[in-house]
Amino acid sequence: MTHYSDFVKGRFSISRDSAKNTVYMQMNSLRPEDTAVYY
């Protein structure tokens, strides 16, 4: 199950690789308003 805020739906995708103990976020079609520090 995933949740996306309206402002990134269809552009961003969250995923995880348990073997690598890592989570990812693919961000496509970036916009100037996406400028921020991401945590």
PDB file of all heavy atoms in Angstrom:
ATOM      1  N   MET A   1       0.848  -1.190   0.000  1.00  0.00           N
ATOM      2  CA  MET A   1       0.000   0.000   0.000  1.00  0.00           C
ATOM      3  C   MET A   1       0.882   1.237   0.000  1.00  0.00           C
ATOM      4  O   MET A   1       1.867   1.312   0.736  1.00  0.00           O
ATOM      5  CB  MET A   1      -0.909   0.019   1.223  1.00  0.00           C
ATOM      6  CG  MET A   1      -1.968  -1.064   1.241  1.00  0.00           C
ATOM      7  SD  MET A   1      -3.091  -0.868   2.645  1.00  0.00           S
ATOM      8  CE  MET A   1      -3.883   0.677   2.241  1.00  0.00           C
ATOM      9  N   THR A   2       0.497   2.198  -0.826  1.00  0.00           N
ATOM     10  CA  THR A   2       1.239   3.441  -0.905  1.00  0.00           C
ATOM     11  C   THR A   2       0.276   4.624  -0.821  1.00  0.00           C
ATOM     12  O   THR A   2      -0.921   4.494  -1.076  1.00  0.00           O
ATOM     13  CB  THR A   2       2.040   3.544  -2.217  1.00  0.00           C
ATOM     14  OG1 THR A   2       1.140   3.381  -3.324  1.00  0.00           O
ATOM     15  CG2 THR A   2       3.132   2.492  -2.276  1.00  0.00           C
ATOM     16  N   HIS A   3       0.844   5.740  -0.452  1.00  0.00           N
ATOM     17  CA  HIS A   3       0.092   6.990  -0.384  1.00  0.00           C
ATOM     18  C   HIS A   3       0.930   8.070  -1.065  1.00  0.00           C
ATOM     19  O   HIS A   3       2.148   8.147  -0.836  1.00  0.00           O
ATOM     20  CB  HIS A   3      -0.175   7.374   1.070  1.00  0.00           C
ATOM     21  CG  HIS A   3      -0.557   8.807   1.266  1.00  0.00           C
ATOM     22  ND1 HIS A   3      -1.847   9.264   1.094  1.00  0.00           N
ATOM     23  CD2 HIS A   3       0.198   9.906   1.573  1.00  0.00           C
ATOM     24  CE1 HIS A   3      -1.879  10.559   1.315  1.00  0.00           C
ATOM     25  NE2 HIS A   3      -0.661  10.979   1.605  1.00  0.00           N
ATOM     26  N   TYR A   4       0.299   8.866  -1.890  1.00  0.00           N
ATOM     27  CA  TYR A   4       0.983   9.982  -2.536  1.00  0.00           C
ATOM     28  C   TYR A   4       0.175  11.249  -2.317  1.00  0.00           C
ATOM     29  O   TYR A   4      -1.055  11.250  -2.412  1.00  0.00           O
ATOM     30  CB  TYR A   4       1.136   9.741  -4.038  1.00  0.00           C
ATOM     31  CG  TYR A   4       2.039   8.584  -4.373  1.00  0.00           C
ATOM     32  CD1 TYR A   4       1.517   7.309  -4.618  1.00  0.00           C
ATOM     33  CD2 TYR A   4       3.419   8.742  -4.417  1.00  0.00           C
ATOM     34  CE1 TYR A   4       2.342   6.245  -4.893  1.00  0.00           C
ATOM     35  CE2 TYR A   4       4.254   7.680  -4.701  1.00  0.00           C
ATOM     36  CZ  TYR A   4       3.715   6.439  -4.934  1.00  0.00           C
ATOM     37  OH  TYR A   4       4.542   5.374  -5.206  1.00  0.00           O
ATOM     38  N   SER A   5       0.870  12.308  -2.034  1.00  0.00           N
ATOM     39  CA  SER A   5       0.195  13.595  -1.949  1.00  0.00           C
ATOM     40  C   SER A   5      -0.239  14.022  -3.345  1.00  0.00           C
ATOM     41  O   SER A   5       0.376  13.639  -4.349  1.00  0.00           O
ATOM     42  CB  SER A   5       1.124  14.631  -1.331  1.00  0.00           C
ATOM     43  OG  SER A   5       1.411  14.290   0.000  1.00  0.00           O
ATOM     44  N   ASP A   6      -1.303  14.792  -3.398  1.00  0.00           N
ATOM     45  CA  ASP A   6      -1.883  15.153  -4.692  1.00  0.00           C
ATOM     46  C   ASP A   6      -0.880  15.839  -5.611  1.00  0.00           C
ATOM     47  O   ASP A   6      -0.923  15.651  -6.834  1.00  0.00           O
ATOM     48  CB  ASP A   6      -3.087  16.074  -4.480  1.00  0.00           C
ATOM     49  CG  ASP A   6      -4.290  15.345  -3.908  1.00  0.00           C
ATOM     50  OD1 ASP A   6      -4.306  14.095  -3.984  1.00  0.00           O
ATOM     51  OD2 ASP A   6      -5.201  16.006  -3.395  1.00  0.00           O
ATOM     52  N   PHE A   7       0.035  16.591  -5.034  1.00  0.00           N
ATOM     53  CA  PHE A   7       0.934  17.368  -5.864  1.00  0.00           C
ATOM     54  C   PHE A   7       2.033  16.526  -6.521  1.00  0.00           C
ATOM     55  O   PHE A   7       2.796  17.034  -7.342  1.00  0.00           O
ATOM     56  CB  PHE A   7       1.545  18.539  -5.084  1.00  0.00           C
ATOM     57  CG  PHE A   7       2.085  18.172  -3.729  1.00  0.00           C
ATOM     58  CD1 PHE A   7       3.333  17.586  -3.592  1.00  0.00           C
ATOM     59  CD2 PHE A   7       1.335  18.423  -2.588  1.00  0.00           C
ATOM     60  CE1 PHE A   7       3.829  17.256  -2.350  1.00  0.00           C
ATOM     61  CE2 PHE A   7       1.822  18.089  -1.327  1.00  0.00           C
ATOM     62  CZ  PHE A   7       3.077  17.512  -1.211  1.00  0.00           C
ATOM     63  N   VAL A   8       2.132  15.245  -6.178  1.00  0.00           N
ATOM     64  CA  VAL A   8       3.142  14.400  -6.826  1.00  0.00           C
ATOM     65  C   VAL A   8       2.541  13.169  -7.488  1.00  0.00           C
ATOM     66  O   VAL A   8       3.264  12.403  -8.139  1.00  0.00           O
ATOM     67  CB  VAL A   8       4.243  13.950  -5.842  1.00  0.00           C
ATOM     68  CG1 VAL A   8       4.916  15.146  -5.204  1.00  0.00           C
ATOM     69  CG2 VAL A   8       3.706  12.975  -4.807  1.00  0.00           C
ATOM     70  N   LYS A   9       1.250  12.973  -7.357  1.00  0.00           N
ATOM     71  CA  LYS A   9       0.631  11.792  -7.944  1.00  0.00           C
ATOM     72  C   LYS A   9       0.897  11.721  -9.442  1.00  0.00           C
ATOM     73  O   LYS A   9       0.769  12.713 -10.159  1.00  0.00           O
ATOM     74  CB  LYS A   9      -0.883  11.807  -7.695  1.00  0.00           C
ATOM     75  CG  LYS A   9      -1.278  11.292  -6.337  1.00  0.00           C
ATOM     76  CD  LYS A   9      -2.787  11.299  -6.158  1.00  0.00           C
ATOM     77  CE  LYS A   9      -3.175  10.831  -4.772  1.00  0.00           C
ATOM     78  NZ  LYS A   9      -4.629  10.918  -4.528  1.00  0.00           N
ATOM     79  N   GLY A  10       1.288  10.539  -9.880  1.00  0.00           N
ATOM     80  CA  GLY A  10       1.577  10.338 -11.291  1.00  0.00           C
ATOM     81  C   GLY A  10       2.982  10.744 -11.692  1.00  0.00           C
ATOM     82  O   GLY A  10       3.400  10.475 -12.822  1.00  0.00           O
ATOM     83  N   ARG A  11       3.710  11.413 -10.793  1.00  0.00           N
ATOM     84  CA  ARG A  11       5.077  11.852 -11.114  1.00  0.00           C
ATOM     85  C   ARG A  11       6.120  11.154 -10.250  1.00  0.00           C
ATOM     86  O   ARG A  11       7.222  10.871 -10.700  1.00  0.00           O
ATOM     87  CB  ARG A  11       5.200  13.369 -10.928  1.00  0.00           C
ATOM     88  CG  ARG A  11       4.257  14.184 -11.796  1.00  0.00           C
ATOM     89  CD  ARG A  11       4.575  15.680 -11.707  1.00  0.00           C
ATOM     90  NE  ARG A  11       4.414  16.226 -10.368  1.00  0.00           N
ATOM     91  CZ  ARG A  11       5.369  16.882  -9.700  1.00  0.00           C
ATOM     92  NH1 ARG A  11       6.553  17.064 -10.258  1.00  0.00           N
ATOM     93  NH2 ARG A  11       5.126  17.362  -8.486  1.00  0.00           N
ATOM     94  N   PHE A  12       5.802  10.896  -8.997  1.00  0.00           N
ATOM     95  CA  PHE A  12       6.745  10.291  -8.052  1.00  0.00           C
ATOM     96  C   PHE A  12       6.314   8.870  -7.732  1.00  0.00           C
ATOM     97  O   PHE A  12       5.123   8.536  -7.754  1.00  0.00           O
ATOM     98  CB  PHE A  12       6.791  11.095  -6.750  1.00  0.00           C
ATOM     99  CG  PHE A  12       7.407  12.460  -6.847  1.00  0.00           C
ATOM    100  CD1 PHE A  12       7.674  13.057  -8.064  1.00  0.00           C
ATOM    101  CD2 PHE A  12       7.717  13.160  -5.690  1.00  0.00           C
ATOM    102  CE1 PHE A  12       8.239  14.324  -8.140  1.00  0.00           C
ATOM    103  CE2 PHE A  12       8.286  14.419  -5.743  1.00  0.00           C
ATOM    104  CZ  PHE A  12       8.534  15.015  -6.975  1.00  0.00           C
ATOM    105  N   SER A  13       7.299   8.043  -7.385  1.00  0.00           N
ATOM    106  CA  SER A  13       7.016   6.659  -7.036  1.00  0.00           C
ATOM    107  C   SER A  13       7.943   6.215  -5.918  1.00  0.00           C
ATOM    108  O   SER A  13       9.161   6.364  -6.022  1.00  0.00           O
ATOM    109  CB  SER A  13       7.203   5.763  -8.260  1.00  0.00           C
ATOM    110  OG  SER A  13       6.993   4.412  -7.925  1.00  0.00           O
ATOM    111  N   ILE A  14       7.359   5.657  -4.853  1.00  0.00           N
ATOM    112  CA  ILE A  14       8.139   5.158  -3.726  1.00  0.00           C
ATOM    113  C   ILE A  14       8.277   3.649  -3.850  1.00  0.00           C
ATOM    114  O   ILE A  14       7.341   2.951  -4.281  1.00  0.00           O
ATOM    115  CB  ILE A  14       7.465   5.552  -2.384  1.00  0.00           C
ATOM    116  CG1 ILE A  14       8.343   5.168  -1.197  1.00  0.00           C
ATOM    117  CG2 ILE A  14       6.070   4.943  -2.262  1.00  0.00           C
ATOM    118  CD1 ILE A  14       7.822   5.691   0.146  1.00  0.00           C
ATOM    119  N   SER A  15       9.445   3.151  -3.481  1.00  0.00           N
ATOM    120  CA  SER A  15       9.676   1.707  -3.544  1.00  0.00           C
ATOM    121  C   SER A  15      10.721   1.336  -2.507  1.00  0.00           C
ATOM    122  O   SER A  15      11.354   2.196  -1.915  1.00  0.00           O
ATOM    123  CB  SER A  15      10.142   1.288  -4.945  1.00  0.00           C
ATOM    124  OG  SER A  15      11.376   1.910  -5.273  1.00  0.00           O
ATOM    125  N   ARG A  16      10.873   0.036  -2.300  1.00  0.00           N
ATOM    126  CA  ARG A  16      11.878  -0.405  -1.335  1.00  0.00           C
ATOM    127  C   ARG A  16      12.566  -1.655  -1.847  1.00  0.00           C
ATOM    128  O   ARG A  16      11.985  -2.440  -2.578  1.00  0.00           O
ATOM    129  CB  ARG A  16      11.246  -0.649   0.032  1.00  0.00           C
ATOM    130  CG  ARG A  16      10.371  -1.880   0.121  1.00  0.00           C
ATOM    131  CD  ARG A  16       9.492  -1.866   1.369  1.00  0.00           C
ATOM    132  NE  ARG A  16      10.239  -1.635   2.583  1.00  0.00           N
ATOM    133  CZ  ARG A  16       9.686  -1.179   3.724  1.00  0.00           C
ATOM    134  NH1 ARG A  16       8.389  -0.924   3.757  1.00  0.00           N
ATOM    135  NH2 ARG A  16      10.422  -0.990   4.805  1.00  0.00           N
ATOM    136  N   ASP A  17      13.806  -1.817  -1.442  1.00  0.00           N
ATOM    137  CA  ASP A  17      14.581  -3.029  -1.713  1.00  0.00           C
ATOM    138  C   ASP A  17      15.003  -3.555  -0.353  1.00  0.00           C
ATOM    139  O   ASP A  17      15.953  -3.058   0.253  1.00  0.00           O
ATOM    140  CB  ASP A  17      15.791  -2.702  -2.587  1.00  0.00           C
ATOM    141  CG  ASP A  17      16.572  -3.931  -2.996  1.00  0.00           C
ATOM    142  OD1 ASP A  17      16.525  -4.951  -2.257  1.00  0.00           O
ATOM    143  OD2 ASP A  17      17.245  -3.888  -4.033  1.00  0.00           O
ATOM    144  N   SER A  18      14.281  -4.569   0.134  1.00  0.00           N
ATOM    145  CA  SER A  18      14.552  -5.067   1.486  1.00  0.00           C
ATOM    146  C   SER A  18      15.935  -5.697   1.584  1.00  0.00           C
ATOM    147  O   SER A  18      16.578  -5.636   2.629  1.00  0.00           O
ATOM    148  CB  SER A  18      13.478  -6.074   1.883  1.00  0.00           C
ATOM    149  OG  SER A  18      12.216  -5.424   1.999  1.00  0.00           O
ATOM    150  N   ALA A  19      16.387  -6.307   0.513  1.00  0.00           N
ATOM    151  CA  ALA A  19      17.713  -6.929   0.542  1.00  0.00           C
ATOM    152  C   ALA A  19      18.802  -5.892   0.764  1.00  0.00           C
ATOM    153  O   ALA A  19      19.828  -6.172   1.382  1.00  0.00           O
ATOM    154  CB  ALA A  19      17.963  -7.689  -0.753  1.00  0.00           C
ATOM    155  N   LYS A  20      18.572  -4.675   0.269  1.00  0.00           N
ATOM    156  CA  LYS A  20      19.548  -3.594   0.434  1.00  0.00           C
ATOM    157  C   LYS A  20      19.200  -2.691   1.604  1.00  0.00           C
ATOM    158  O   LYS A  20      19.927  -1.725   1.860  1.00  0.00           O
ATOM    159  CB  LYS A  20      19.645  -2.774  -0.857  1.00  0.00           C
ATOM    160  CG  LYS A  20      20.198  -3.558  -2.041  1.00  0.00           C
ATOM    161  CD  LYS A  20      20.334  -2.664  -3.269  1.00  0.00           C
ATOM    162  CE  LYS A  20      20.949  -3.441  -4.430  1.00  0.00           C
ATOM    163  NZ  LYS A  20      21.081  -2.594  -5.647  1.00  0.00           N
ATOM    164  N   ASN A  21      18.087  -2.982   2.272  1.00  0.00           N
ATOM    165  CA  ASN A  21      17.656  -2.146   3.395  1.00  0.00           C
ATOM    166  C   ASN A  21      17.562  -0.675   2.979  1.00  0.00           C
ATOM    167  O   ASN A  21      17.996   0.227   3.704  1.00  0.00           O
ATOM    168  CB  ASN A  21      18.601  -2.305   4.597  1.00  0.00           C
ATOM    169  CG  ASN A  21      17.875  -2.249   5.923  1.00  0.00           C
ATOM    170  OD1 ASN A  21      16.686  -2.552   6.019  1.00  0.00           O
ATOM    171  ND2 ASN A  21      18.587  -1.857   6.962  1.00  0.00           N
ATOM    172  N   THR A  22      16.987  -0.465   1.824  1.00  0.00           N
ATOM    173  CA  THR A  22      16.967   0.858   1.208  1.00  0.00           C
ATOM    174  C   THR A  22      15.588   1.155   0.648  1.00  0.00           C
ATOM    175  O   THR A  22      14.910   0.258   0.125  1.00  0.00           O
ATOM    176  CB  THR A  22      18.020   0.942   0.087  1.00  0.00           C
ATOM    177  OG1 THR A  22      19.315   0.719   0.658  1.00  0.00           O
ATOM    178  CG2 THR A  22      18.005   2.302  -0.590  1.00  0.00           C
ATOM    179  N   VAL A  23      15.206   2.406   0.760  1.00  0.00           N
ATOM    180  CA  VAL A  23      13.957   2.898   0.189  1.00  0.00           C
ATOM    181  C   VAL A  23      14.301   3.943  -0.870  1.00  0.00           C
ATOM    182  O   VAL A  23      15.270   4.697  -0.714  1.00  0.00           O
ATOM    183  CB  VAL A  23      13.056   3.506   1.281  1.00  0.00           C
ATOM    184  CG1 VAL A  23      11.803   4.119   0.676  1.00  0.00           C
ATOM    185  CG2 VAL A  23      12.682   2.446   2.292  1.00  0.00           C
ATOM    186  N   TYR A  24      13.520   3.973  -1.923  1.00  0.00           N
ATOM    187  CA  TYR A  24      13.784   4.888  -3.020  1.00  0.00           C
ATOM    188  C   TYR A  24      12.562   5.769  -3.295  1.00  0.00           C
ATOM    189  O   TYR A  24      11.432   5.432  -2.935  1.00  0.00           O
ATOM    190  CB  TYR A  24      14.095   4.096  -4.295  1.00  0.00           C
ATOM    191  CG  TYR A  24      15.245   3.142  -4.179  1.00  0.00           C
ATOM    192  CD1 TYR A  24      15.032   1.790  -3.913  1.00  0.00           C
ATOM    193  CD2 TYR A  24      16.557   3.585  -4.315  1.00  0.00           C
ATOM    194  CE1 TYR A  24      16.081   0.902  -3.791  1.00  0.00           C
ATOM    195  CE2 TYR A  24      17.622   2.698  -4.201  1.00  0.00           C
ATOM    196  CZ  TYR A  24      17.377   1.371  -3.935  1.00  0.00           C
ATOM    197  OH  TYR A  24      18.428   0.495  -3.805  1.00  0.00           O
ATOM    198  N   MET A  25      12.830   6.868  -3.948  1.00  0.00           N
ATOM    199  CA  MET A  25      11.743   7.654  -4.514  1.00  0.00           C
ATOM    200  C   MET A  25      12.181   8.150  -5.890  1.00  0.00           C
ATOM    201  O   MET A  25      13.146   8.915  -5.994  1.00  0.00           O
ATOM    202  CB  MET A  25      11.329   8.815  -3.639  1.00  0.00           C
ATOM    203  CG  MET A  25      10.081   9.530  -4.188  1.00  0.00           C
ATOM    204  SD  MET A  25       9.259  10.528  -2.975  1.00  0.00           S
ATOM    205  CE  MET A  25      10.466  11.846  -2.775  1.00  0.00           C
ATOM    206  N   GLN A  26      11.505   7.647  -6.883  1.00  0.00           N
ATOM    207  CA  GLN A  26      11.739   8.094  -8.257  1.00  0.00           C
ATOM    208  C   GLN A  26      10.886   9.331  -8.489  1.00  0.00           C
ATOM    209  O   GLN A  26       9.672   9.298  -8.273  1.00  0.00           O
ATOM    210  CB  GLN A  26      11.351   6.989  -9.242  1.00  0.00           C
ATOM    211  CG  GLN A  26      11.534   7.372 -10.697  1.00  0.00           C
ATOM    212  CD  GLN A  26      12.985   7.566 -11.077  1.00  0.00           C
ATOM    213  OE1 GLN A  26      13.857   6.817 -10.663  1.00  0.00           O
ATOM    214  NE2 GLN A  26      13.252   8.598 -11.872  1.00  0.00           N
ATOM    215  N   MET A  27      11.544  10.396  -8.925  1.00  0.00           N
ATOM    216  CA  MET A  27      10.847  11.649  -9.150  1.00  0.00           C
ATOM    217  C   MET A  27      10.988  12.032 -10.615  1.00  0.00           C
ATOM    218  O   MET A  27      12.108  12.263 -11.089  1.00  0.00           O
ATOM    219  CB  MET A  27      11.419  12.757  -8.255  1.00  0.00           C
ATOM    220  CG  MET A  27      11.448  12.377  -6.776  1.00  0.00           C
ATOM    221  SD  MET A  27      11.863  13.762  -5.701  1.00  0.00           S
ATOM    222  CE  MET A  27      13.511  14.156  -6.268  1.00  0.00           C
ATOM    223  N   ASN A  28       9.879  12.068 -11.322  1.00  0.00           N
ATOM    224  CA  ASN A  28       9.858  12.420 -12.729  1.00  0.00           C
ATOM    225  C   ASN A  28       9.093  13.721 -12.941  1.00  0.00           C
ATOM    226  O   ASN A  28       8.338  14.160 -12.070  1.00  0.00           O
ATOM    227  CB  ASN A  28       9.205  11.300 -13.545  1.00  0.00           C
ATOM    228  CG  ASN A  28       9.940   9.980 -13.440  1.00  0.00           C
ATOM    229  OD1 ASN A  28      11.168   9.942 -13.345  1.00  0.00           O
ATOM    230  ND2 ASN A  28       9.200   8.888 -13.462  1.00  0.00           N
ATOM    231  N   SER A  29       9.283  14.302 -14.107  1.00  0.00           N
ATOM    232  CA  SER A  29       8.566  15.533 -14.465  1.00  0.00           C
ATOM    233  C   SER A  29       8.678  16.582 -13.359  1.00  0.00           C
ATOM    234  O   SER A  29       7.678  17.174 -12.930  1.00  0.00           O
ATOM    235  CB  SER A  29       7.094  15.224 -14.757  1.00  0.00           C
ATOM    236  OG  SER A  29       6.965  14.285 -15.795  1.00  0.00           O
ATOM    237  N   LEU A  30       9.887  16.786 -12.890  1.00  0.00           N
ATOM    238  CA  LEU A  30      10.098  17.703 -11.776  1.00  0.00           C
ATOM    239  C   LEU A  30       9.736  19.137 -12.155  1.00  0.00           C
ATOM    240  O   LEU A  30       9.905  19.569 -13.305  1.00  0.00           O
ATOM    241  CB  LEU A  30      11.544  17.626 -11.306  1.00  0.00           C
ATOM    242  CG  LEU A  30      11.846  16.384 -10.452  1.00  0.00           C
ATOM    243  CD1 LEU A  30      13.331  16.100 -10.404  1.00  0.00           C
ATOM    244  CD2 LEU A  30      11.288  16.550  -9.050  1.00  0.00           C
ATOM    245  N   ARG A  31       9.245  19.851 -11.134  1.00  0.00           N
ATOM    246  CA  ARG A  31       8.811  21.231 -11.311  1.00  0.00           C
ATOM    247  C   ARG A  31       9.572  22.136 -10.341  1.00  0.00           C
ATOM    248  O   ARG A  31      10.032  21.665  -9.298  1.00  0.00           O
ATOM    249  CB  ARG A  31       7.311  21.338 -11.006  1.00  0.00           C
ATOM    250  CG  ARG A  31       6.427  20.416 -11.833  1.00  0.00           C
ATOM    251  CD  ARG A  31       5.026  20.348 -11.272  1.00  0.00           C
ATOM    252  NE  ARG A  31       4.150  19.471 -12.045  1.00  0.00           N
ATOM    253  CZ  ARG A  31       2.954  19.073 -11.657  1.00  0.00           C
ATOM    254  NH1 ARG A  31       2.469  19.490 -10.490  1.00  0.00           N
ATOM    255  NH2 ARG A  31       2.232  18.275 -12.431  1.00  0.00           N
ATOM    256  N   PRO A  32       9.686  23.404 -10.634  1.00  0.00           N
ATOM    257  CA  PRO A  32      10.372  24.310  -9.689  1.00  0.00           C
ATOM    258  C   PRO A  32       9.763  24.255  -8.285  1.00  0.00           C
ATOM    259  O   PRO A  32      10.500  24.381  -7.291  1.00  0.00           O
ATOM    260  CB  PRO A  32      10.194  25.678 -10.345  1.00  0.00           C
ATOM    261  CG  PRO A  32      10.129  25.384 -11.806  1.00  0.00           C
ATOM    262  CD  PRO A  32       9.363  24.086 -11.907  1.00  0.00           C
ATOM    263  N   GLU A  33       8.479  24.041  -8.189  1.00  0.00           N
ATOM    264  CA  GLU A  33       7.833  23.978  -6.865  1.00  0.00           C
ATOM    265  C   GLU A  33       8.176  22.712  -6.085  1.00  0.00           C
ATOM    266  O   GLU A  33       7.819  22.600  -4.905  1.00  0.00           O
ATOM    267  CB  GLU A  33       6.311  24.123  -6.986  1.00  0.00           C
ATOM    268  CG  GLU A  33       5.654  23.151  -7.943  1.00  0.00           C
ATOM    269  CD  GLU A  33       5.426  23.756  -9.330  1.00  0.00           C
ATOM    270  OE1 GLU A  33       6.309  24.494  -9.813  1.00  0.00           O
ATOM    271  OE2 GLU A  33       4.372  23.460  -9.927  1.00  0.00           O
ATOM    272  N   ASP A  34       8.876  21.771  -6.722  1.00  0.00           N
ATOM    273  CA  ASP A  34       9.352  20.585  -6.004  1.00  0.00           C
ATOM    274  C   ASP A  34      10.653  20.871  -5.258  1.00  0.00           C
ATOM    275  O   ASP A  34      11.163  20.000  -4.535  1.00  0.00           O
ATOM    276  CB  ASP A  34       9.582  19.421  -6.975  1.00  0.00           C
ATOM    277  CG  ASP A  34       8.290  18.931  -7.607  1.00  0.00           C
ATOM    278  OD1 ASP A  34       7.260  18.848  -6.901  1.00  0.00           O
ATOM    279  OD2 ASP A  34       8.314  18.624  -8.824  1.00  0.00           O
ATOM    280  N   THR A  35      11.202  22.046  -5.440  1.00  0.00           N
ATOM    281  CA  THR A  35      12.447  22.409  -4.761  1.00  0.00           C
ATOM    282  C   THR A  35      12.252  22.393  -3.256  1.00  0.00           C
ATOM    283  O   THR A  35      11.350  23.047  -2.726  1.00  0.00           O
ATOM    284  CB  THR A  35      12.903  23.804  -5.215  1.00  0.00           C
ATOM    285  OG1 THR A  35      13.235  23.751  -6.609  1.00  0.00           O
ATOM    286  CG2 THR A  35      14.121  24.262  -4.430  1.00  0.00           C
ATOM    287  N   ALA A  36      13.089  21.617  -2.560  1.00  0.00           N
ATOM    288  CA  ALA A  36      12.965  21.452  -1.104  1.00  0.00           C
ATOM    289  C   ALA A  36      14.080  20.538  -0.623  1.00  0.00           C
ATOM    290  O   ALA A  36      14.810  19.953  -1.433  1.00  0.00           O
ATOM    291  CB  ALA A  36      11.612  20.850  -0.739  1.00  0.00           C
ATOM    292  N   VAL A  37      14.186  20.410   0.678  1.00  0.00           N
ATOM    293  CA  VAL A  37      14.997  19.356   1.268  1.00  0.00           C
ATOM    294  C   VAL A  37      14.086  18.152   1.480  1.00  0.00           C
ATOM    295  O   VAL A  37      12.998  18.294   2.053  1.00  0.00           O
ATOM    296  CB  VAL A  37      15.628  19.797   2.600  1.00  0.00           C
ATOM    297  CG1 VAL A  37      16.424  18.648   3.216  1.00  0.00           C
ATOM    298  CG2 VAL A  37      16.523  21.008   2.381  1.00  0.00           C
ATOM    299  N   TYR A  38      14.516  17.008   1.001  1.00  0.00           N
ATOM    300  CA  TYR A  38      13.726  15.787   1.088  1.00  0.00           C
ATOM    301  C   TYR A  38      14.290  14.884   2.174  1.00  0.00           C
ATOM    302  O   TYR A  38      15.506  14.651   2.232  1.00  0.00           O
ATOM    303  CB  TYR A  38      13.711  15.074  -0.257  1.00  0.00           C
ATOM    304  CG  TYR A  38      12.814  15.749  -1.263  1.00  0.00           C
ATOM    305  CD1 TYR A  38      13.169  16.964  -1.841  1.00  0.00           C
ATOM    306  CD2 TYR A  38      11.595  15.186  -1.616  1.00  0.00           C
ATOM    307  CE1 TYR A  38      12.337  17.597  -2.744  1.00  0.00           C
ATOM    308  CE2 TYR A  38      10.754  15.798  -2.530  1.00  0.00           C
ATOM    309  CZ  TYR A  38      11.125  17.013  -3.085  1.00  0.00           C
ATOM    310  OH  TYR A  38      10.292  17.637  -3.980  1.00  0.00           O
ATOM    311  N   TYR A  39      13.382  14.380   3.000  1.00  0.00           N
ATOM    312  CA  TYR A  39      13.751  13.522   4.122  1.00  0.00           C
ATOM    313  C   TYR A  39      13.040  12.183   4.020  1.00  0.00           C
ATOM    314  O   TYR A  39      11.881  12.120   3.620  1.00  0.00           O
ATOM    315  CB  TYR A  39      13.328  14.165   5.447  1.00  0.00           C
ATOM    316  CG  TYR A  39      13.909  15.519   5.734  1.00  0.00           C
ATOM    317  CD1 TYR A  39      13.276  16.679   5.291  1.00  0.00           C
ATOM    318  CD2 TYR A  39      15.092  15.641   6.470  1.00  0.00           C
ATOM    319  CE1 TYR A  39      13.808  17.935   5.566  1.00  0.00           C
ATOM    320  CE2 TYR A  39      15.626  16.894   6.753  1.00  0.00           C
ATOM    321  CZ  TYR A  39      14.978  18.027   6.295  1.00  0.00           C
ATOM    322  OH  TYR A  39      15.503  19.268   6.575  1.00  0.00           O
TER     323      TYR A  39
END
